[in-house]
Amino acid sequence: MTKRWMRTLLGGAAAVVLGAGSANAVVIGGVEFPQGAVSFADAVISYQPGLAGADPAARYQGAANALGAPDYPGASCATAATCDFVSLGVGGELVLRFTDNVLTGSGTSADDLWIFEIGPDVEDTTVDVSTDGITWLSVGKVTGSTRGIDIDFFGYGTSSAFSYVRLIDDPNEGDTGGASVGADIDAVGAITTRPVTN
């Protein structure tokens, strides 16, 4: 169990209920993640913090703050290490990877992937998925706050297996200045997921 996950279970503001649905399930922000802790992105592959002159302050550029379960609100964001989220900046891009599981479609119209965007300025984010981190497939956009995406709607069903998620701030939506400019990402979680087997 990671320190970040323990912080969410023991004292984070997000509502967490163990035992819902399946043995590993957790409910966060009203969303049930049947596989529990493995549902959330594990690694940062790349981070480009916005266009020149429209990037967030350094303290909001901790890309690793988007890993694990959502844990906002929490720290003061005096430094990137104490912040609970990462700001993308205007047009900024964040690529995350699931390492112990893969995102799949559900075969239904239910949402399969959830993006936790926080802050008072609700900002749109384009979402792409990939099997290899090279070839990207669009699954539309989320319109800020906590939003889900049904990847089956885009033709990706139960046989799909995506390890990578790319988030790109919509430069035409939201404020274009400020310390935490751009979409503020707290977490990315997969509802329909299966473990990676060696």
Protein backbone atom coordinates (compact mmCIF):
# COMPACT_ATOMS: atom_id res chain seq x y z
CA MET A 1 0.00 0.00 0.00
CA THR A 2 1.53 3.34 -1.02
CA LYS A 3 1.86 6.29 1.32
CA ARG A 4 -0.44 8.29 -0.95
CA TRP A 5 -3.13 5.59 -0.81
CA MET A 6 -2.77 5.27 2.98
CA ARG A 7 -3.18 9.03 3.35
CA THR A 8 -6.45 8.82 1.46
CA LEU A 9 -7.70 5.95 3.59
CA LEU A 10 -6.62 7.40 6.92
CA GLY A 11 -7.22 11.11 6.63
CA GLY A 12 -7.90 12.42 3.15
CA ALA A 13 -11.04 14.42 2.51
CA ALA A 14 -12.30 12.04 -0.17
CA ALA A 15 -14.97 9.63 1.05
CA VAL A 16 -13.59 6.09 0.94
CA VAL A 17 -15.67 3.03 1.74
CA LEU A 18 -14.02 -0.36 1.76
CA GLY A 19 -15.95 -3.48 0.95
CA ALA A 20 -18.49 -2.04 -1.49
CA GLY A 21 -19.27 -4.33 -4.43
CA SER A 22 -16.18 -6.57 -4.27
CA ALA A 23 -13.56 -7.34 -1.65
CA ASN A 24 -11.16 -4.69 -2.98
CA ALA A 25 -13.72 -2.03 -3.94
CA VAL A 26 -13.53 1.58 -2.80
CA VAL A 27 -16.02 4.39 -3.30
CA ILE A 28 -14.51 7.83 -3.85
CA GLY A 29 -16.57 10.90 -4.64
CA GLY A 30 -19.60 8.68 -5.23
CA VAL A 31 -17.75 6.54 -7.78
CA GLU A 32 -17.12 2.85 -7.03
CA PHE A 33 -13.77 1.45 -8.14
CA PRO A 34 -14.25 -2.35 -8.00
CA GLN A 35 -10.52 -3.14 -8.06
CA GLY A 36 -9.60 -0.69 -5.29
CA ALA A 37 -6.09 0.76 -5.17
CA VAL A 38 -4.93 -0.74 -8.48
CA SER A 39 -7.60 1.30 -10.28
CA PHE A 40 -5.53 4.49 -10.31
CA ALA A 41 -2.64 5.64 -12.50
CA ASP A 42 0.77 4.56 -11.21
CA ALA A 43 3.46 6.40 -13.19
CA VAL A 44 4.13 9.72 -14.91
CA ILE A 45 5.49 9.24 -18.42
CA SER A 46 5.70 12.90 -19.41
CA TYR A 47 4.51 16.36 -18.42
CA GLN A 48 4.56 19.55 -20.49
CA PRO A 49 3.24 22.40 -18.29
CA GLY A 50 1.45 24.64 -20.74
CA LEU A 51 2.35 27.21 -23.32
CA ALA A 52 5.19 29.66 -22.69
CA GLY A 53 3.93 32.43 -20.45
CA ALA A 54 0.79 30.46 -19.58
CA ASP A 55 2.32 27.76 -17.42
CA PRO A 56 1.52 27.21 -13.73
CA ALA A 57 3.76 28.29 -10.87
CA ALA A 58 6.45 25.73 -9.96
CA ARG A 59 4.60 24.66 -6.82
CA TYR A 60 1.72 23.39 -9.00
CA GLN A 61 3.98 21.44 -11.38
CA GLY A 62 4.35 18.24 -9.33
CA ALA A 63 3.21 15.77 -11.99
CA ALA A 64 3.37 12.85 -9.54
CA ASN A 65 0.56 14.50 -7.57
CA ALA A 66 -1.85 13.06 -10.16
CA LEU A 67 -0.92 9.49 -9.18
CA GLY A 68 -2.87 7.23 -6.88
CA ALA A 69 -6.32 7.82 -5.46
CA PRO A 70 -7.77 11.35 -5.29
CA ASP A 71 -6.75 13.17 -2.11
CA TYR A 72 -7.80 16.79 -2.55
CA PRO A 73 -8.17 18.92 -0.46
CA GLY A 74 -5.14 18.40 1.65
CA ALA A 75 -1.79 20.12 1.72
CA SER A 76 -1.19 23.82 1.29
CA CYS A 77 0.66 23.63 -2.05
CA ALA A 78 3.53 25.69 -0.67
CA THR A 79 5.76 23.41 -2.77
CA ALA A 80 5.13 20.79 -5.48
CA ALA A 81 5.99 18.09 -2.93
CA THR A 82 3.20 19.18 -0.57
CA CYS A 83 0.51 19.71 -3.20
CA ASP A 84 -2.28 17.20 -3.91
CA PHE A 85 -2.71 17.91 -7.64
CA VAL A 86 -0.87 19.07 -10.75
CA SER A 87 -1.87 22.00 -12.96
CA LEU A 88 -1.55 21.44 -16.69
CA GLY A 89 -1.17 25.08 -17.72
CA VAL A 90 -2.82 26.49 -20.85
CA GLY A 91 -2.60 23.71 -23.45
CA GLY A 92 -0.41 21.62 -21.14
CA GLU A 93 -0.13 17.84 -21.40
CA LEU A 94 0.21 15.00 -18.90
CA VAL A 95 0.79 11.34 -19.81
CA LEU A 96 0.14 8.73 -17.12
CA ARG A 97 0.52 4.96 -17.10
CA PHE A 98 -1.22 2.11 -15.35
CA THR A 99 1.51 -0.41 -14.48
CA ASP A 100 -0.32 -3.09 -12.48
CA ASN A 101 -3.51 -3.08 -14.53
CA VAL A 102 -4.94 -2.09 -17.93
CA LEU A 103 -8.02 -0.04 -18.78
CA THR A 104 -10.68 -1.93 -20.71
CA GLY A 105 -14.17 -1.26 -21.99
CA SER A 106 -17.08 -2.72 -20.04
CA GLY A 107 -19.31 -3.84 -22.88
CA THR A 108 -21.96 -1.44 -21.56
CA SER A 109 -22.68 2.29 -21.66
CA ALA A 110 -21.25 2.77 -18.14
CA ASP A 111 -18.26 5.07 -17.65
CA ASP A 112 -14.95 3.18 -17.69
CA LEU A 113 -12.41 5.95 -16.97
CA TRP A 114 -12.68 8.78 -14.46
CA ILE A 115 -10.72 12.04 -14.40
CA PHE A 116 -10.64 13.95 -11.11
CA GLU A 117 -10.16 17.66 -11.92
CA ILE A 118 -10.38 20.05 -8.99
CA GLY A 119 -10.40 23.78 -8.30
CA PRO A 120 -12.89 26.63 -8.64
CA ASP A 121 -12.31 27.15 -12.38
CA VAL A 122 -13.80 24.14 -14.18
CA GLU A 123 -11.67 23.47 -17.26
CA ASP A 124 -12.09 21.12 -20.20
CA THR A 125 -9.51 18.41 -20.86
CA THR A 126 -9.02 16.28 -23.97
CA VAL A 127 -8.46 12.59 -23.16
CA ASP A 128 -6.56 10.06 -25.28
CA VAL A 129 -5.65 6.44 -24.54
CA SER A 130 -2.88 4.21 -25.84
CA THR A 131 -1.61 0.65 -25.63
CA ASP A 132 2.03 1.63 -26.14
CA GLY A 133 2.39 5.34 -25.33
CA ILE A 134 3.11 6.09 -29.00
CA THR A 135 -0.14 5.68 -30.95
CA TRP A 136 -2.98 7.67 -29.38
CA LEU A 137 -6.73 7.17 -29.71
CA SER A 138 -9.16 9.93 -28.75
CA VAL A 139 -11.92 9.22 -26.25
CA GLY A 140 -13.28 12.76 -26.31
CA LYS A 141 -13.02 15.31 -23.54
CA VAL A 142 -14.18 15.87 -20.00
CA THR A 143 -15.69 19.19 -19.02
CA GLY A 144 -13.95 19.60 -15.69
CA SER A 145 -14.65 18.52 -12.13
CA THR A 146 -15.02 14.75 -11.62
CA ARG A 147 -16.12 13.24 -14.93
CA GLY A 148 -16.29 9.78 -16.43
CA ILE A 149 -15.83 8.53 -19.98
CA ASP A 150 -17.45 5.49 -21.58
CA ILE A 151 -14.68 4.18 -23.84
CA ASP A 152 -17.08 1.63 -25.35
CA PHE A 153 -18.82 4.60 -27.00
CA PHE A 154 -15.62 5.12 -29.02
CA GLY A 155 -15.44 1.46 -30.08
CA TYR A 156 -13.13 0.09 -27.36
CA GLY A 157 -14.70 -2.91 -25.61
CA THR A 158 -13.76 -5.67 -23.20
CA SER A 159 -10.93 -6.93 -25.43
CA SER A 160 -9.20 -3.53 -25.40
CA ALA A 161 -6.23 -3.07 -23.07
CA PHE A 162 -4.90 0.46 -22.58
CA SER A 163 -1.97 1.22 -20.29
CA TYR A 164 -1.59 4.94 -21.05
CA VAL A 165 -3.82 7.99 -20.63
CA ARG A 166 -2.95 11.42 -22.04
CA LEU A 167 -4.65 14.56 -20.74
CA ILE A 168 -4.39 17.85 -22.66
CA ASP A 169 -5.78 21.10 -21.29
CA ASP A 170 -8.18 22.85 -23.67
CA PRO A 171 -6.48 26.25 -24.25
CA ASN A 172 -9.82 27.78 -25.26
CA GLU A 173 -11.55 26.97 -21.96
CA GLY A 174 -10.96 28.49 -18.53
CA ASP A 175 -8.61 31.17 -17.28
CA THR A 176 -5.41 31.86 -19.20
CA GLY A 177 -3.43 33.21 -16.28
CA GLY A 178 -2.81 32.60 -12.61
CA ALA A 179 -0.62 30.44 -10.40
CA SER A 180 -2.58 27.22 -11.01
CA VAL A 181 -3.66 27.92 -14.59
CA GLY A 182 -5.06 25.09 -16.69
CA ALA A 183 -6.89 21.94 -15.63
CA ASP A 184 -5.88 20.79 -12.14
CA ILE A 185 -5.60 17.00 -12.10
CA ASP A 186 -5.88 15.11 -8.82
CA ALA A 187 -6.23 11.53 -10.10
CA VAL A 188 -7.11 9.25 -13.01
CA GLY A 189 -8.92 5.99 -12.28
CA ALA A 190 -10.13 3.02 -14.29
CA ILE A 191 -13.46 1.44 -13.40
CA THR A 192 -13.22 -1.42 -15.87
CA THR A 193 -9.74 -2.78 -15.47
CA ARG A 194 -7.93 -6.06 -15.27
CA PRO A 195 -4.63 -6.84 -13.56
CA VAL A 196 -1.44 -7.20 -15.55
CA THR A 197 -0.22 -10.79 -15.28
CA ASN A 198 3.42 -11.73 -15.75
